[in-house]
Amino acid sequence: MEASPKIVMMACFYLAMKVEEFYVTIDEFVSNLRSGSPEQNTTRILGLEPEIMRALRYQITIHCPFRPFEGHLVEMKTRMLLLNFNVETIREPADQFFRKALLSDVMLMYPPSQIALAALKYGLDALSEYICSIYFFAFAIFPLLIQF
């Protein structure tokens, strides 16, 4: 496929922005181009991306959120010594979150540290629901059962 040098240069710029994590949508990017229609430019630029990566022998790396998650747990363990809270109880619901996240394109859209924090929040929310249900049973349902 023969492409004009201008389109190749624009595809290189767009790819460089992605590599440097300076996210701009393709629609925003092509809206700044003066030649060609936006639809045509979008098709050409996105079509050239794999060819440019192949020519550069570029290797795409996806960083997983598991290591940042472990770091967050270690940080919580060291800072929450005085609280009577076992941080390891968060791990199981967080693993459920990670299993769901791996089935989606979340790993390509967000940095690993943010995904790890989301898993941490998911685990804490699941844990708080469990604790609330226990307290509800202990203080609301159990006294009613004793009366009978």
Protein backbone atom coordinates (compact mmCIF):
# COMPACT_ATOMS: atom_id res chain seq x y z
CA MET A 1 0.00 0.00 0.00
CA GLU A 2 1.43 3.34 -1.04
CA ALA A 3 0.73 6.19 1.33
CA SER A 4 1.61 9.83 1.14
CA PRO A 5 4.51 10.96 3.34
CA LYS A 6 2.19 13.36 5.14
CA ILE A 7 -0.19 10.58 6.21
CA VAL A 8 2.74 8.38 7.25
CA MET A 9 4.11 11.26 9.32
CA MET A 10 0.70 11.86 10.93
CA ALA A 11 0.38 8.13 11.70
CA CYS A 12 3.85 8.26 13.32
CA PHE A 13 2.80 11.27 15.39
CA TYR A 14 -0.41 9.56 16.49
CA LEU A 15 1.47 6.38 17.38
CA ALA A 16 4.10 8.39 19.30
CA MET A 17 1.34 10.06 21.31
CA LYS A 18 -0.01 6.64 22.25
CA VAL A 19 3.44 5.38 23.22
CA GLU A 20 4.06 8.40 25.44
CA GLU A 21 0.58 7.97 27.02
CA PHE A 22 -0.57 11.36 25.76
CA TYR A 23 -4.08 10.20 24.93
CA VAL A 24 -5.93 11.98 22.17
CA THR A 25 -8.83 10.34 20.37
CA ILE A 26 -8.40 9.71 16.68
CA ASP A 27 -11.35 12.02 16.00
CA GLU A 28 -9.67 14.90 17.84
CA PHE A 29 -6.39 14.18 16.08
CA VAL A 30 -7.79 14.14 12.53
CA SER A 31 -9.93 17.21 13.17
CA ASN A 32 -6.68 19.22 13.14
CA LEU A 33 -5.67 17.96 9.69
CA ARG A 34 -6.47 20.27 6.80
CA SER A 35 -6.32 17.86 3.88
CA GLY A 36 -8.65 14.95 3.22
CA SER A 37 -11.87 14.08 4.97
CA PRO A 38 -11.82 13.07 8.65
CA GLU A 39 -13.18 9.60 7.82
CA GLN A 40 -10.55 9.05 5.15
CA ASN A 41 -7.72 10.28 7.39
CA THR A 42 -8.92 8.11 10.28
CA THR A 43 -8.94 5.00 8.09
CA ARG A 44 -5.49 5.73 6.67
CA ILE A 45 -3.83 6.56 10.00
CA LEU A 46 -5.28 3.59 11.85
CA GLY A 47 -4.40 1.34 8.91
CA LEU A 48 -0.77 2.48 8.97
CA GLU A 49 -0.26 1.95 12.71
CA PRO A 50 0.39 -1.81 12.57
CA GLU A 51 2.67 -1.39 9.55
CA ILE A 52 4.74 1.27 11.33
CA MET A 53 5.01 -0.87 14.47
CA ARG A 54 6.07 -3.86 12.37
CA ALA A 55 8.68 -1.79 10.52
CA LEU A 56 10.09 -0.51 13.82
CA ARG A 57 9.96 -4.01 15.34
CA TYR A 58 8.03 -2.43 18.19
CA GLN A 59 6.98 -4.75 21.00
CA ILE A 60 3.84 -3.92 22.91
CA THR A 61 4.04 -4.53 26.64
CA ILE A 62 1.03 -4.65 28.91
CA HIS A 63 1.82 -4.14 32.58
CA CYS A 64 -0.45 -6.07 34.91
CA PRO A 65 -1.89 -4.60 38.12
CA PHE A 66 -0.93 -7.52 40.36
CA ARG A 67 2.39 -6.08 41.56
CA PRO A 68 0.91 -2.64 42.39
CA PHE A 69 -1.89 -4.41 44.26
CA GLU A 70 0.66 -6.29 46.37
CA GLY A 71 2.42 -2.98 47.01
CA HIS A 72 -0.83 -1.40 48.19
CA LEU A 73 -1.46 -4.34 50.54
CA VAL A 74 2.06 -4.10 51.99
CA GLU A 75 1.59 -0.35 52.49
CA MET A 76 -1.73 -0.95 54.26
CA LYS A 77 -0.18 -3.62 56.49
CA THR A 78 2.62 -1.31 57.59
CA ARG A 79 0.40 1.72 58.18
CA MET A 80 -2.55 -0.04 59.82
CA LEU A 81 -0.71 -1.86 62.60
CA LEU A 82 -2.84 -0.33 65.36
CA LEU A 83 -6.13 -1.28 63.73
CA ASN A 84 -7.39 -4.76 64.37
CA PHE A 85 -7.89 -5.49 60.68
CA ASN A 86 -6.52 -8.35 58.59
CA VAL A 87 -5.68 -6.85 55.21
CA GLU A 88 -5.46 -10.32 53.64
CA THR A 89 -9.26 -10.61 53.78
CA ILE A 90 -9.40 -8.14 50.89
CA ARG A 91 -7.46 -10.51 48.62
CA GLU A 92 -10.29 -12.91 47.65
CA PRO A 93 -12.80 -10.28 46.45
CA ALA A 94 -9.96 -8.39 44.76
CA ASP A 95 -9.01 -11.57 42.89
CA GLN A 96 -12.62 -11.79 41.68
CA PHE A 97 -12.30 -8.22 40.43
CA PHE A 98 -9.06 -9.08 38.61
CA ARG A 99 -10.67 -12.11 36.94
CA LYS A 100 -13.49 -9.91 35.66
CA ALA A 101 -11.05 -7.19 34.57
CA LEU A 102 -8.94 -9.66 32.59
CA LEU A 103 -11.97 -10.49 30.45
CA SER A 104 -12.29 -6.87 29.37
CA ASP A 105 -10.01 -4.25 27.84
CA VAL A 106 -9.45 -2.48 31.16
CA MET A 107 -5.74 -3.40 31.11
CA LEU A 108 -5.35 -1.40 27.89
CA MET A 109 -7.28 1.63 29.10
CA TYR A 110 -6.00 2.38 32.60
CA PRO A 111 -2.61 2.36 34.34
CA PRO A 112 -1.90 -0.70 36.51
CA SER A 113 -1.84 1.33 39.73
CA GLN A 114 -5.38 2.61 39.12
CA ILE A 115 -6.65 -0.89 38.36
CA ALA A 116 -5.00 -2.11 41.57
CA LEU A 117 -6.68 0.66 43.57
CA ALA A 118 -10.02 -0.24 41.98
CA ALA A 119 -9.49 -3.87 43.02
CA LEU A 120 -8.64 -2.70 46.53
CA LYS A 121 -11.82 -0.62 46.70
CA TYR A 122 -13.86 -3.51 45.29
CA GLY A 123 -12.42 -5.81 47.96
CA LEU A 124 -13.12 -3.33 50.75
CA ASP A 125 -16.68 -2.75 49.50
CA ALA A 126 -17.34 -6.50 49.33
CA LEU A 127 -15.89 -6.90 52.80
CA SER A 128 -17.99 -4.08 54.23
CA GLU A 129 -21.16 -5.60 52.73
CA TYR A 130 -20.27 -8.91 54.37
CA ILE A 131 -19.58 -7.26 57.73
CA CYS A 132 -22.79 -5.21 57.52
CA SER A 133 -24.80 -8.37 56.84
CA ILE A 134 -23.20 -10.06 59.86
CA TYR A 135 -23.98 -7.07 62.09
CA PHE A 136 -27.51 -6.90 60.70
CA PHE A 137 -28.03 -10.56 61.55
CA ALA A 138 -26.41 -10.19 64.98
CA PHE A 139 -28.25 -7.06 66.08
CA ALA A 140 -31.52 -7.11 64.13
CA ILE A 141 -32.44 -10.71 63.27
CA PHE A 142 -30.83 -12.66 66.10
CA PRO A 143 -32.70 -10.83 68.93
CA LEU A 144 -35.97 -11.54 67.12
CA LEU A 145 -35.10 -15.24 66.91
CA ILE A 146 -34.33 -15.36 70.63
CA GLN A 147 -37.80 -14.04 71.48
CA PHE A 148 -39.44 -17.10 69.94
